[in-house]
PDB file of N, CA and C in Angstrom:
ATOM      1  N   MET A   1     -19.011  -4.545 -10.989  1.00  0.00           N
ATOM      2  CA  MET A   1     -17.941  -3.746 -10.103  1.00  0.00           C
ATOM      3  C   MET A   1     -16.853  -3.457 -10.946  1.00  0.00           C
ATOM      4  N   ALA A   2     -16.403  -2.323 -10.569  1.00  0.00           N
ATOM      5  CA  ALA A   2     -15.064  -2.020 -11.260  1.00  0.00           C
ATOM      6  C   ALA A   2     -13.873  -2.966 -10.820  1.00  0.00           C
ATOM      7  N   LYS A   3     -12.864  -2.895 -11.496  1.00  0.00           N
ATOM      8  CA  LYS A   3     -11.580  -3.680 -11.027  1.00  0.00           C
ATOM      9  C   LYS A   3     -11.041  -3.292  -9.882  1.00  0.00           C
ATOM     10  N   VAL A   4     -10.683  -4.113  -8.907  1.00  0.00           N
ATOM     11  CA  VAL A   4     -10.140  -3.923  -7.596  1.00  0.00           C
ATOM     12  C   VAL A   4      -8.871  -4.678  -7.414  1.00  0.00           C
ATOM     13  N   THR A   5      -7.882  -3.980  -7.107  1.00  0.00           N
ATOM     14  CA  THR A   5      -6.600  -4.353  -6.597  1.00  0.00           C
ATOM     15  C   THR A   5      -6.188  -4.376  -5.233  1.00  0.00           C
ATOM     16  N   ILE A   6      -5.614  -5.255  -4.763  1.00  0.00           N
ATOM     17  CA  ILE A   6      -5.128  -5.210  -3.230  1.00  0.00           C
ATOM     18  C   ILE A   6      -3.488  -5.346  -3.248  1.00  0.00           C
ATOM     19  N   TRP A   7      -2.760  -4.581  -2.699  1.00  0.00           N
ATOM     20  CA  TRP A   7      -1.484  -4.940  -2.343  1.00  0.00           C
ATOM     21  C   TRP A   7      -1.437  -5.465  -1.165  1.00  0.00           C
ATOM     22  N   HIS A   8      -1.065  -6.865  -1.082  1.00  0.00           N
ATOM     23  CA  HIS A   8      -1.343  -7.682   0.001  1.00  0.00           C
ATOM     24  C   HIS A   8       0.006  -8.458   0.777  1.00  0.00           C
ATOM     25  N   ASN A   9       0.070  -8.414   1.889  1.00  0.00           N
ATOM     26  CA  ASN A   9       0.932  -9.067   2.661  1.00  0.00           C
ATOM     27  C   ASN A   9       0.316 -10.231   3.440  1.00  0.00           C
ATOM     28  N   PRO A  10       0.597 -11.450   2.920  1.00  0.00           N
ATOM     29  CA  PRO A  10      -0.315 -12.686   3.743  1.00  0.00           C
ATOM     30  C   PRO A  10       0.232 -12.767   5.295  1.00  0.00           C
ATOM     31  N   ARG A  11       1.264 -12.310   5.651  1.00  0.00           N
ATOM     32  CA  ARG A  11       1.539 -12.405   6.980  1.00  0.00           C
ATOM     33  C   ARG A  11       1.087 -11.144   7.968  1.00  0.00           C
ATOM     34  N   CYS A  12       0.396 -10.090   7.349  1.00  0.00           N
ATOM     35  CA  CYS A  12      -0.106  -9.077   7.858  1.00  0.00           C
ATOM     36  C   CYS A  12      -1.622  -9.374   8.117  1.00  0.00           C
ATOM     37  N   SER A  13      -1.991  -9.031   9.406  1.00  0.00           N
ATOM     38  CA  SER A  13      -3.338  -9.426   9.861  1.00  0.00           C
ATOM     39  C   SER A  13      -4.322  -8.240   9.420  1.00  0.00           C
ATOM     40  N   LYS A  14      -3.807  -6.925   9.281  1.00  0.00           N
ATOM     41  CA  LYS A  14      -4.625  -6.047   8.817  1.00  0.00           C
ATOM     42  C   LYS A  14      -4.893  -6.477   7.380  1.00  0.00           C
ATOM     43  N   SER A  15      -3.887  -6.703   6.546  1.00  0.00           N
ATOM     44  CA  SER A  15      -3.931  -7.115   5.086  1.00  0.00           C
ATOM     45  C   SER A  15      -4.931  -8.296   4.831  1.00  0.00           C
ATOM     46  N   ARG A  16      -4.898  -9.415   5.679  1.00  0.00           N
ATOM     47  CA  ARG A  16      -5.779 -10.558   5.850  1.00  0.00           C
ATOM     48  C   ARG A  16      -7.104 -10.228   6.022  1.00  0.00           C
ATOM     49  N   ASN A  17      -7.328  -9.157   7.038  1.00  0.00           N
ATOM     50  CA  ASN A  17      -8.733  -8.678   7.233  1.00  0.00           C
ATOM     51  C   ASN A  17      -9.295  -7.983   5.967  1.00  0.00           C
ATOM     52  N   SER A  18      -8.685  -7.097   5.285  1.00  0.00           N
ATOM     53  CA  SER A  18      -8.747  -6.358   4.044  1.00  0.00           C
ATOM     54  C   SER A  18      -9.403  -7.550   2.937  1.00  0.00           C
ATOM     55  N   MET A  19      -8.441  -8.768   2.833  1.00  0.00           N
ATOM     56  CA  MET A  19      -8.944  -9.523   2.157  1.00  0.00           C
ATOM     57  C   MET A  19     -10.225 -10.474   2.187  1.00  0.00           C
ATOM     58  N   ALA A  20     -10.328 -10.537   3.597  1.00  0.00           N
ATOM     59  CA  ALA A  20     -11.549 -11.067   4.020  1.00  0.00           C
ATOM     60  C   ALA A  20     -12.618 -10.171   3.810  1.00  0.00           C
ATOM     61  N   LEU A  21     -12.744  -8.905   4.031  1.00  0.00           N
ATOM     62  CA  LEU A  21     -13.872  -8.013   3.649  1.00  0.00           C
ATOM     63  C   LEU A  21     -14.058  -8.185   2.189  1.00  0.00           C
ATOM     64  N   LEU A  22     -13.143  -8.168   1.386  1.00  0.00           N
ATOM     65  CA  LEU A  22     -13.439  -8.134  -0.146  1.00  0.00           C
ATOM     66  C   LEU A  22     -14.251  -9.400  -0.605  1.00  0.00           C
ATOM     67  N   GLU A  23     -13.530 -10.376  -0.105  1.00  0.00           N
ATOM     68  CA  GLU A  23     -14.184 -11.905  -0.285  1.00  0.00           C
ATOM     69  C   GLU A  23     -15.598 -11.723   0.152  1.00  0.00           C
ATOM     70  N   GLU A  24     -15.890 -11.280   1.474  1.00  0.00           N
ATOM     71  CA  GLU A  24     -17.404 -11.179   1.896  1.00  0.00           C
ATOM     72  C   GLU A  24     -18.132 -10.283   1.092  1.00  0.00           C
ATOM     73  N   LYS A  25     -17.557  -9.259   0.693  1.00  0.00           N
ATOM     74  CA  LYS A  25     -18.592  -8.511  -0.523  1.00  0.00           C
ATOM     75  C   LYS A  25     -18.481  -8.956  -1.896  1.00  0.00           C
ATOM     76  N   GLY A  26     -17.884 -10.246  -1.955  1.00  0.00           N
ATOM     77  CA  GLY A  26     -18.077 -10.767  -3.299  1.00  0.00           C
ATOM     78  C   GLY A  26     -17.163 -10.172  -4.289  1.00  0.00           C
ATOM     79  N   VAL A  27     -16.179  -9.213  -3.885  1.00  0.00           N
ATOM     80  CA  VAL A  27     -15.122  -8.738  -4.838  1.00  0.00           C
ATOM     81  C   VAL A  27     -14.044  -9.598  -5.052  1.00  0.00           C
ATOM     82  N   GLU A  28     -13.771  -9.912  -6.439  1.00  0.00           N
ATOM     83  CA  GLU A  28     -12.759 -10.472  -6.782  1.00  0.00           C
ATOM     84  C   GLU A  28     -11.634  -9.526  -7.276  1.00  0.00           C
ATOM     85  N   ALA A  29     -10.782  -9.410  -6.335  1.00  0.00           N
ATOM     86  CA  ALA A  29      -9.621  -8.503  -6.446  1.00  0.00           C
ATOM     87  C   ALA A  29      -8.482  -9.128  -7.107  1.00  0.00           C
ATOM     88  N   GLU A  30      -7.827  -8.483  -7.908  1.00  0.00           N
ATOM     89  CA  GLU A  30      -6.453  -8.931  -8.220  1.00  0.00           C
ATOM     90  C   GLU A  30      -5.243  -8.832  -7.079  1.00  0.00           C
ATOM     91  N   VAL A  31      -4.809  -9.586  -6.649  1.00  0.00           N
ATOM     92  CA  VAL A  31      -3.761  -9.700  -5.456  1.00  0.00           C
ATOM     93  C   VAL A  31      -2.479  -9.357  -6.060  1.00  0.00           C
ATOM     94  N   VAL A  32      -1.797  -8.306  -5.312  1.00  0.00           N
ATOM     95  CA  VAL A  32      -0.427  -7.971  -5.613  1.00  0.00           C
ATOM     96  C   VAL A  32       0.392  -8.304  -4.345  1.00  0.00           C
ATOM     97  N   LYS A  33       1.242  -9.357  -4.419  1.00  0.00           N
ATOM     98  CA  LYS A  33       1.960  -9.613  -3.099  1.00  0.00           C
ATOM     99  C   LYS A  33       3.336  -8.951  -3.422  1.00  0.00           C
ATOM    100  N   TYR A  34       3.029  -7.660  -3.115  1.00  0.00           N
ATOM    101  CA  TYR A  34       4.068  -6.545  -3.510  1.00  0.00           C
ATOM    102  C   TYR A  34       5.456  -6.903  -2.733  1.00  0.00           C
ATOM    103  N   LEU A  35       5.564  -7.853  -1.751  1.00  0.00           N
ATOM    104  CA  LEU A  35       7.069  -8.093  -1.190  1.00  0.00           C
ATOM    105  C   LEU A  35       7.623  -9.259  -2.032  1.00  0.00           C
ATOM    106  N   ASP A  36       6.926  -9.933  -2.823  1.00  0.00           N
ATOM    107  CA  ASP A  36       7.371 -11.102  -3.665  1.00  0.00           C
ATOM    108  C   ASP A  36       7.749 -10.241  -5.235  1.00  0.00           C
ATOM    109  N   THR A  37       6.880  -9.260  -5.369  1.00  0.00           N
ATOM    110  CA  THR A  37       7.041  -8.609  -6.872  1.00  0.00           C
ATOM    111  C   THR A  37       6.894  -7.104  -6.581  1.00  0.00           C
ATOM    112  N   PRO A  38       8.145  -6.514  -6.079  1.00  0.00           N
ATOM    113  CA  PRO A  38       8.108  -4.985  -5.584  1.00  0.00           C
ATOM    114  C   PRO A  38       7.571  -4.218  -6.803  1.00  0.00           C
ATOM    115  N   PRO A  39       6.938  -3.022  -6.316  1.00  0.00           N
ATOM    116  CA  PRO A  39       6.523  -2.312  -7.279  1.00  0.00           C
ATOM    117  C   PRO A  39       7.643  -1.256  -8.082  1.00  0.00           C
ATOM    118  N   THR A  40       7.485  -0.658  -9.264  1.00  0.00           N
ATOM    119  CA  THR A  40       8.620   0.064  -9.807  1.00  0.00           C
ATOM    120  C   THR A  40       8.282   1.471  -9.222  1.00  0.00           C
ATOM    121  N   LYS A  41       9.239   2.263  -9.554  1.00  0.00           N
ATOM    122  CA  LYS A  41       9.353   3.783  -9.079  1.00  0.00           C
ATOM    123  C   LYS A  41       7.917   4.419  -9.559  1.00  0.00           C
ATOM    124  N   GLU A  42       7.649   3.915 -10.900  1.00  0.00           N
ATOM    125  CA  GLU A  42       6.599   4.624 -11.521  1.00  0.00           C
ATOM    126  C   GLU A  42       5.304   4.027 -10.977  1.00  0.00           C
ATOM    127  N   GLU A  43       5.292   2.801 -10.788  1.00  0.00           N
ATOM    128  CA  GLU A  43       3.919   2.446 -10.015  1.00  0.00           C
ATOM    129  C   GLU A  43       3.800   3.079  -8.672  1.00  0.00           C
ATOM    130  N   LEU A  44       4.810   3.108  -7.772  1.00  0.00           N
ATOM    131  CA  LEU A  44       4.836   3.834  -6.599  1.00  0.00           C
ATOM    132  C   LEU A  44       4.237   5.222  -6.595  1.00  0.00           C
ATOM    133  N   LYS A  45       4.715   5.911  -7.783  1.00  0.00           N
ATOM    134  CA  LYS A  45       4.467   7.316  -7.890  1.00  0.00           C
ATOM    135  C   LYS A  45       2.912   7.338  -8.126  1.00  0.00           C
ATOM    136  N   ALA A  46       2.478   6.528  -9.008  1.00  0.00           N
ATOM    137  CA  ALA A  46       0.825   6.739  -9.266  1.00  0.00           C
ATOM    138  C   ALA A  46       0.205   6.137  -8.235  1.00  0.00           C
ATOM    139  N   LEU A  47       0.671   5.396  -7.268  1.00  0.00           N
ATOM    140  CA  LEU A  47      -0.090   4.891  -6.116  1.00  0.00           C
ATOM    141  C   LEU A  47      -0.078   6.064  -5.203  1.00  0.00           C
ATOM    142  N   LEU A  48       0.897   6.720  -4.827  1.00  0.00           N
ATOM    143  CA  LEU A  48       1.128   7.982  -4.129  1.00  0.00           C
ATOM    144  C   LEU A  48       0.112   9.097  -4.709  1.00  0.00           C
ATOM    145  N   LYS A  49      -0.007   9.240  -5.944  1.00  0.00           N
ATOM    146  CA  LYS A  49      -0.839  10.334  -6.613  1.00  0.00           C
ATOM    147  C   LYS A  49      -2.309   9.714  -6.242  1.00  0.00           C
ATOM    148  N   MET A  50      -2.727   8.337  -6.354  1.00  0.00           N
ATOM    149  CA  MET A  50      -3.946   8.122  -6.102  1.00  0.00           C
ATOM    150  C   MET A  50      -4.404   8.200  -4.714  1.00  0.00           C
ATOM    151  N   LEU A  51      -3.512   7.954  -3.565  1.00  0.00           N
ATOM    152  CA  LEU A  51      -3.620   8.010  -2.040  1.00  0.00           C
ATOM    153  C   LEU A  51      -3.671   9.549  -2.025  1.00  0.00           C
ATOM    154  N   GLY A  52      -2.944  10.323  -2.737  1.00  0.00           N
ATOM    155  CA  GLY A  52      -3.048  11.954  -2.202  1.00  0.00           C
ATOM    156  C   GLY A  52      -2.160  12.043  -1.049  1.00  0.00           C
ATOM    157  N   MET A  53      -0.942  11.242  -1.121  1.00  0.00           N
ATOM    158  CA  MET A  53       0.067  11.202  -0.317  1.00  0.00           C
ATOM    159  C   MET A  53       1.379  11.626  -0.655  1.00  0.00           C
ATOM    160  N   ASN A  54       2.224  11.756   0.364  1.00  0.00           N
ATOM    161  CA  ASN A  54       3.922  12.007  -0.018  1.00  0.00           C
ATOM    162  C   ASN A  54       4.433  10.511   0.262  1.00  0.00           C
ATOM    163  N   ALA A  55       5.659  10.408  -0.186  1.00  0.00           N
ATOM    164  CA  ALA A  55       6.368   9.019   0.155  1.00  0.00           C
ATOM    165  C   ALA A  55       6.409   8.843   1.651  1.00  0.00           C
ATOM    166  N   ARG A  56       6.853   9.524   2.362  1.00  0.00           N
ATOM    167  CA  ARG A  56       6.958   9.364   3.946  1.00  0.00           C
ATOM    168  C   ARG A  56       5.594   8.915   4.590  1.00  0.00           C
ATOM    169  N   GLU A  57       4.486   9.641   4.020  1.00  0.00           N
ATOM    170  CA  GLU A  57       3.168   9.191   4.451  1.00  0.00           C
ATOM    171  C   GLU A  57       2.914   7.596   4.333  1.00  0.00           C
ATOM    172  N   LEU A  58       3.572   7.189   3.369  1.00  0.00           N
ATOM    173  CA  LEU A  58       3.186   5.652   2.831  1.00  0.00           C
ATOM    174  C   LEU A  58       4.134   4.749   3.644  1.00  0.00           C
ATOM    175  N   MET A  59       5.068   5.244   4.078  1.00  0.00           N
ATOM    176  CA  MET A  59       6.212   4.428   4.992  1.00  0.00           C
ATOM    177  C   MET A  59       5.835   3.893   6.151  1.00  0.00           C
ATOM    178  N   ARG A  60       6.378   2.761   6.508  1.00  0.00           N
ATOM    179  CA  ARG A  60       6.271   1.917   7.844  1.00  0.00           C
ATOM    180  C   ARG A  60       7.605   2.527   8.603  1.00  0.00           C
ATOM    181  N   THR A  61       7.313   3.644   9.318  1.00  0.00           N
ATOM    182  CA  THR A  61       8.359   4.222   9.912  1.00  0.00           C
ATOM    183  C   THR A  61       8.954   3.438  11.165  1.00  0.00           C
ATOM    184  N   LYS A  62       8.233   2.522  11.518  1.00  0.00           N
ATOM    185  CA  LYS A  62       8.632   1.657  12.781  1.00  0.00           C
ATOM    186  C   LYS A  62       9.538   0.578  12.376  1.00  0.00           C
ATOM    187  N   GLU A  63       9.591   0.231  11.031  1.00  0.00           N
ATOM    188  CA  GLU A  63      10.477  -0.924  10.533  1.00  0.00           C
ATOM    189  C   GLU A  63      11.832  -0.593  10.916  1.00  0.00           C
ATOM    190  N   ALA A  64      12.593  -1.441  11.387  1.00  0.00           N
ATOM    191  CA  ALA A  64      13.933  -1.527  11.577  1.00  0.00           C
ATOM    192  C   ALA A  64      14.629  -1.077  10.412  1.00  0.00           C
ATOM    193  N   ILE A  65      14.306  -1.390   9.186  1.00  0.00           N
ATOM    194  CA  ILE A  65      14.978  -1.005   7.837  1.00  0.00           C
ATOM    195  C   ILE A  65      15.035   0.641   7.835  1.00  0.00           C
ATOM    196  N   TYR A  66      13.851   1.062   8.168  1.00  0.00           N
ATOM    197  CA  TYR A  66      13.736   2.589   8.200  1.00  0.00           C
ATOM    198  C   TYR A  66      14.864   3.316   8.953  1.00  0.00           C
ATOM    199  N   LYS A  67      15.007   2.634  10.339  1.00  0.00           N
ATOM    200  CA  LYS A  67      16.124   3.191  10.904  1.00  0.00           C
ATOM    201  C   LYS A  67      17.274   2.965  10.467  1.00  0.00           C
ATOM    202  N   GLU A  68      17.615   1.666  10.159  1.00  0.00           N
ATOM    203  CA  GLU A  68      19.060   1.225   9.695  1.00  0.00           C
ATOM    204  C   GLU A  68      19.315   2.118   8.331  1.00  0.00           C
ATOM    205  N   LEU A  69      18.580   2.701   7.419  1.00  0.00           N
ATOM    206  CA  LEU A  69      18.830   3.323   6.349  1.00  0.00           C
ATOM    207  C   LEU A  69      18.842   4.860   6.689  1.00  0.00           C
ATOM    208  N   GLY A  70      18.393   5.058   7.889  1.00  0.00           N
ATOM    209  CA  GLY A  70      18.395   6.735   8.240  1.00  0.00           C
ATOM    210  C   GLY A  70      17.680   7.464   7.518  1.00  0.00           C
ATOM    211  N   LEU A  71      16.297   6.963   7.405  1.00  0.00           N
ATOM    212  CA  LEU A  71      15.289   7.484   6.270  1.00  0.00           C
ATOM    213  C   LEU A  71      14.797   8.463   7.002  1.00  0.00           C
ATOM    214  N   LYS A  72      14.681   8.816   8.314  1.00  0.00           N
ATOM    215  CA  LYS A  72      14.028  10.072   8.870  1.00  0.00           C
ATOM    216  C   LYS A  72      14.616  11.136   8.637  1.00  0.00           C
ATOM    217  N   GLU A  73      16.004  11.285   8.256  1.00  0.00           N
ATOM    218  CA  GLU A  73      16.707  12.205   7.762  1.00  0.00           C
ATOM    219  C   GLU A  73      16.674  12.666   6.427  1.00  0.00           C
ATOM    220  N   VAL A  74      16.111  11.855   5.725  1.00  0.00           N
ATOM    221  CA  VAL A  74      15.962  12.092   4.136  1.00  0.00           C
ATOM    222  C   VAL A  74      14.630  13.062   3.878  1.00  0.00           C
ATOM    223  N   GLU A  75      15.073  13.900   3.127  1.00  0.00           N
ATOM    224  CA  GLU A  75      13.910  14.708   2.475  1.00  0.00           C
ATOM    225  C   GLU A  75      13.557  14.724   1.222  1.00  0.00           C
ATOM    226  N   ASP A  76      14.397  14.045   0.259  1.00  0.00           N
ATOM    227  CA  ASP A  76      14.141  13.890  -0.944  1.00  0.00           C
ATOM    228  C   ASP A  76      13.041  12.794  -1.222  1.00  0.00           C
ATOM    229  N   GLU A  77      12.180  13.092  -1.838  1.00  0.00           N
ATOM    230  CA  GLU A  77      10.920  12.323  -2.235  1.00  0.00           C
ATOM    231  C   GLU A  77      11.415  11.266  -3.002  1.00  0.00           C
ATOM    232  N   GLU A  78      12.248  11.428  -4.026  1.00  0.00           N
ATOM    233  CA  GLU A  78      12.868  10.313  -5.020  1.00  0.00           C
ATOM    234  C   GLU A  78      13.683   9.439  -4.091  1.00  0.00           C
ATOM    235  N   LYS A  79      14.478   9.928  -3.209  1.00  0.00           N
ATOM    236  CA  LYS A  79      15.133   8.752  -2.364  1.00  0.00           C
ATOM    237  C   LYS A  79      14.311   7.884  -1.515  1.00  0.00           C
ATOM    238  N   LEU A  80      13.142   8.715  -1.167  1.00  0.00           N
ATOM    239  CA  LEU A  80      12.167   7.788  -0.164  1.00  0.00           C
ATOM    240  C   LEU A  80      11.497   6.666  -1.182  1.00  0.00           C
ATOM    241  N   ILE A  81      11.234   7.213  -2.143  1.00  0.00           N
ATOM    242  CA  ILE A  81      10.501   6.209  -3.197  1.00  0.00           C
ATOM    243  C   ILE A  81      11.423   5.064  -3.581  1.00  0.00           C
ATOM    244  N   GLU A  82      12.590   5.479  -3.774  1.00  0.00           N
ATOM    245  CA  GLU A  82      13.640   4.376  -4.176  1.00  0.00           C
ATOM    246  C   GLU A  82      13.856   3.441  -3.129  1.00  0.00           C
ATOM    247  N   ALA A  83      13.736   3.909  -1.870  1.00  0.00           N
ATOM    248  CA  ALA A  83      13.909   3.091  -0.657  1.00  0.00           C
ATOM    249  C   ALA A  83      12.714   2.011  -0.622  1.00  0.00           C
ATOM    250  N   MET A  84      11.714   2.663  -1.027  1.00  0.00           N
ATOM    251  CA  MET A  84      10.432   1.633  -0.950  1.00  0.00           C
ATOM    252  C   MET A  84      10.522   0.424  -1.937  1.00  0.00           C
ATOM    253  N   VAL A  85      10.893   0.932  -3.075  1.00  0.00           N
ATOM    254  CA  VAL A  85      11.255   0.003  -4.375  1.00  0.00           C
ATOM    255  C   VAL A  85      12.346  -1.169  -3.824  1.00  0.00           C
ATOM    256  N   GLU A  86      13.310  -0.767  -3.347  1.00  0.00           N
ATOM    257  CA  GLU A  86      14.297  -1.633  -2.816  1.00  0.00           C
ATOM    258  C   GLU A  86      14.009  -2.445  -1.764  1.00  0.00           C
ATOM    259  N   HIS A  87      13.175  -1.824  -0.669  1.00  0.00           N
ATOM    260  CA  HIS A  87      12.888  -2.496   0.579  1.00  0.00           C
ATOM    261  C   HIS A  87      11.238  -2.370   0.543  1.00  0.00           C
ATOM    262  N   PRO A  88      10.498  -3.151  -0.270  1.00  0.00           N
ATOM    263  CA  PRO A  88       8.986  -2.978  -0.297  1.00  0.00           C
ATOM    264  C   PRO A  88       8.314  -3.284   1.383  1.00  0.00           C
ATOM    265  N   LYS A  89       9.047  -3.852   2.263  1.00  0.00           N
ATOM    266  CA  LYS A  89       8.846  -3.955   3.533  1.00  0.00           C
ATOM    267  C   LYS A  89       8.246  -2.755   4.102  1.00  0.00           C
ATOM    268  N   LEU A  90       8.798  -1.471   3.493  1.00  0.00           N
ATOM    269  CA  LEU A  90       8.805  -0.106   4.153  1.00  0.00           C
ATOM    270  C   LEU A  90       7.276   0.471   3.779  1.00  0.00           C
ATOM    271  N   ILE A  91       6.528  -0.221   2.885  1.00  0.00           N
ATOM    272  CA  ILE A  91       5.441   0.206   2.362  1.00  0.00           C
ATOM    273  C   ILE A  91       4.196  -0.217   3.107  1.00  0.00           C
ATOM    274  N   GLU A  92       3.415   0.857   3.484  1.00  0.00           N
ATOM    275  CA  GLU A  92       2.180   0.495   4.499  1.00  0.00           C
ATOM    276  C   GLU A  92       1.536  -0.563   3.747  1.00  0.00           C
ATOM    277  N   ARG A  93       0.574  -1.248   4.574  1.00  0.00           N
ATOM    278  CA  ARG A  93      -0.203  -2.181   3.880  1.00  0.00           C
ATOM    279  C   ARG A  93      -1.503  -2.200   4.781  1.00  0.00           C
ATOM    280  N   PRO A  94      -2.424  -2.915   4.185  1.00  0.00           N
ATOM    281  CA  PRO A  94      -2.701  -3.173   2.843  1.00  0.00           C
ATOM    282  C   PRO A  94      -3.260  -1.967   2.028  1.00  0.00           C
ATOM    283  N   ILE A  95      -2.995  -2.113   0.715  1.00  0.00           N
ATOM    284  CA  ILE A  95      -3.641  -0.896  -0.114  1.00  0.00           C
ATOM    285  C   ILE A  95      -4.499  -1.545  -1.158  1.00  0.00           C
ATOM    286  N   VAL A  96      -5.605  -0.890  -0.994  1.00  0.00           N
ATOM    287  CA  VAL A  96      -6.756  -1.342  -1.882  1.00  0.00           C
ATOM    288  C   VAL A  96      -7.011  -0.302  -2.906  1.00  0.00           C
ATOM    289  N   ILE A  97      -7.103  -0.449  -4.271  1.00  0.00           N
ATOM    290  CA  ILE A  97      -7.170   0.420  -5.403  1.00  0.00           C
ATOM    291  C   ILE A  97      -8.397  -0.006  -6.252  1.00  0.00           C
ATOM    292  N   LYS A  98      -9.106   0.927  -6.686  1.00  0.00           N
ATOM    293  CA  LYS A  98     -10.378   0.968  -7.175  1.00  0.00           C
ATOM    294  C   LYS A  98     -10.756   2.291  -8.186  1.00  0.00           C
ATOM    295  N   ASP A  99     -10.951   2.270  -9.283  1.00  0.00           N
ATOM    296  CA  ASP A  99     -11.503   3.418 -10.142  1.00  0.00           C
ATOM    297  C   ASP A  99     -10.312   4.448  -9.890  1.00  0.00           C
ATOM    298  N   GLY A 100      -9.165   4.157  -9.930  1.00  0.00           N
ATOM    299  CA  GLY A 100      -8.150   5.260  -9.888  1.00  0.00           C
ATOM    300  C   GLY A 100      -8.142   5.773  -8.507  1.00  0.00           C
ATOM    301  N   LYS A 101      -8.583   5.316  -7.534  1.00  0.00           N
ATOM    302  CA  LYS A 101      -8.587   5.651  -6.191  1.00  0.00           C
ATOM    303  C   LYS A 101      -8.042   4.691  -5.386  1.00  0.00           C
ATOM    304  N   ALA A 102      -7.134   5.128  -4.337  1.00  0.00           N
ATOM    305  CA  ALA A 102      -6.584   4.079  -3.612  1.00  0.00           C
ATOM    306  C   ALA A 102      -6.627   4.440  -1.981  1.00  0.00           C
ATOM    307  N   VAL A 103      -6.765   3.419  -0.969  1.00  0.00           N
ATOM    308  CA  VAL A 103      -6.773   3.545   0.211  1.00  0.00           C
ATOM    309  C   VAL A 103      -5.707   2.774   1.135  1.00  0.00           C
ATOM    310  N   ILE A 104      -5.390   3.099   2.231  1.00  0.00           N
ATOM    311  CA  ILE A 104      -4.816   2.192   3.160  1.00  0.00           C
ATOM    312  C   ILE A 104      -5.764   1.471   3.936  1.00  0.00           C
ATOM    313  N   GLY A 105      -5.869   0.315   3.823  1.00  0.00           N
ATOM    314  CA  GLY A 105      -6.500  -0.597   4.817  1.00  0.00           C
ATOM    315  C   GLY A 105      -6.840  -0.375   6.252  1.00  0.00           C
ATOM    316  N   ARG A 106      -6.235   0.713   6.670  1.00  0.00           N
ATOM    317  CA  ARG A 106      -6.258   0.760   8.145  1.00  0.00           C
ATOM    318  C   ARG A 106      -6.694   2.154   8.562  1.00  0.00           C
ATOM    319  N   PRO A 107      -7.930   2.170   9.177  1.00  0.00           N
ATOM    320  CA  PRO A 107      -8.735   1.162   9.690  1.00  0.00           C
ATOM    321  C   PRO A 107      -9.466   0.576   8.273  1.00  0.00           C
ATOM    322  N   LEU A 108     -10.333  -0.559   8.534  1.00  0.00           N
ATOM    323  CA  LEU A 108     -10.786  -1.267   7.613  1.00  0.00           C
ATOM    324  C   LEU A 108     -11.956  -0.697   7.004  1.00  0.00           C
ATOM    325  N   GLU A 109     -12.475   0.298   7.684  1.00  0.00           N
ATOM    326  CA  GLU A 109     -13.719   1.282   7.188  1.00  0.00           C
ATOM    327  C   GLU A 109     -13.063   2.091   5.891  1.00  0.00           C
ATOM    328  N   ASN A 110     -11.929   2.195   5.697  1.00  0.00           N
ATOM    329  CA  ASN A 110     -11.352   2.876   4.620  1.00  0.00           C
ATOM    330  C   ASN A 110     -11.678   2.004   3.415  1.00  0.00           C
ATOM    331  N   VAL A 111     -11.507   0.635   3.301  1.00  0.00           N
ATOM    332  CA  VAL A 111     -11.720  -0.089   2.324  1.00  0.00           C
ATOM    333  C   VAL A 111     -13.194  -0.321   1.808  1.00  0.00           C
ATOM    334  N   GLU A 112     -14.090  -0.260   3.124  1.00  0.00           N
ATOM    335  CA  GLU A 112     -15.508  -0.019   2.657  1.00  0.00           C
ATOM    336  C   GLU A 112     -15.942   0.944   2.142  1.00  0.00           C
ATOM    337  N   ALA A 113     -15.604   2.017   2.590  1.00  0.00           N
ATOM    338  CA  ALA A 113     -15.893   3.301   1.997  1.00  0.00           C
ATOM    339  C   ALA A 113     -15.312   3.303   0.703  1.00  0.00           C
ATOM    340  N   LEU A 114     -14.222   2.794   0.197  1.00  0.00           N
ATOM    341  CA  LEU A 114     -13.978   3.066  -1.213  1.00  0.00           C
ATOM    342  C   LEU A 114     -14.802   1.914  -1.985  1.00  0.00           C
ATOM    343  N   LEU A 115     -15.018   0.805  -1.506  1.00  0.00           N
ATOM    344  CA  LEU A 115     -15.873  -0.051  -2.233  1.00  0.00           C
ATOM    345  C   LEU A 115     -17.162   0.401  -2.486  1.00  0.00           C
ATOM    346  N   GLN A 116     -17.886   1.411  -1.607  1.00  0.00           N
ATOM    347  CA  GLN A 116     -19.242   1.845  -1.806  1.00  0.00           C
ATOM    348  C   GLN A 116     -19.137   3.054  -2.894  1.00  0.00           C
ATOM    349  N   GLN A 117     -18.006   3.571  -3.261  1.00  0.00           N
ATOM    350  CA  GLN A 117     -17.909   4.597  -4.361  1.00  0.00           C
ATOM    351  C   GLN A 117     -18.173   4.334  -5.643  1.00  0.00           C
TER     352      GLN A 117
END
C-alpha cells in the first residue's frame, strides 16, 4: 500500500477514531502530531491543494482563538494560512493523506474511501 500520513490530535475523538480505522485496516501510517510540530506555510498550501479547499474551509471556526483573532473578517488567504501556522489548533482534524490526495476524517467514511483508492 502507498504511504499514508495522518495529521493527528490524540485528544480528539474523531482523530482517535481515524487512527483506530487505520490500525484495523493494517495501515502503518506516519503520524504527525501537528499541534506539537506545526506545519509550515508551504506544507499547509500543499495540503490545501490536495484537499481541494481554501484556507477557511480547513479552519475550525468555532475555536475561541478564531474569534479572538477576528478571523471571520479576514479575506486574505495568506493571512488565514499564517494564522493556522501560528495557531495549529485552528486546523480541522484529522487529516489523512495518501497518494497526493487528502481528506478530513469527518465523517470516518472519508478515510475509508481514500484508503480504497
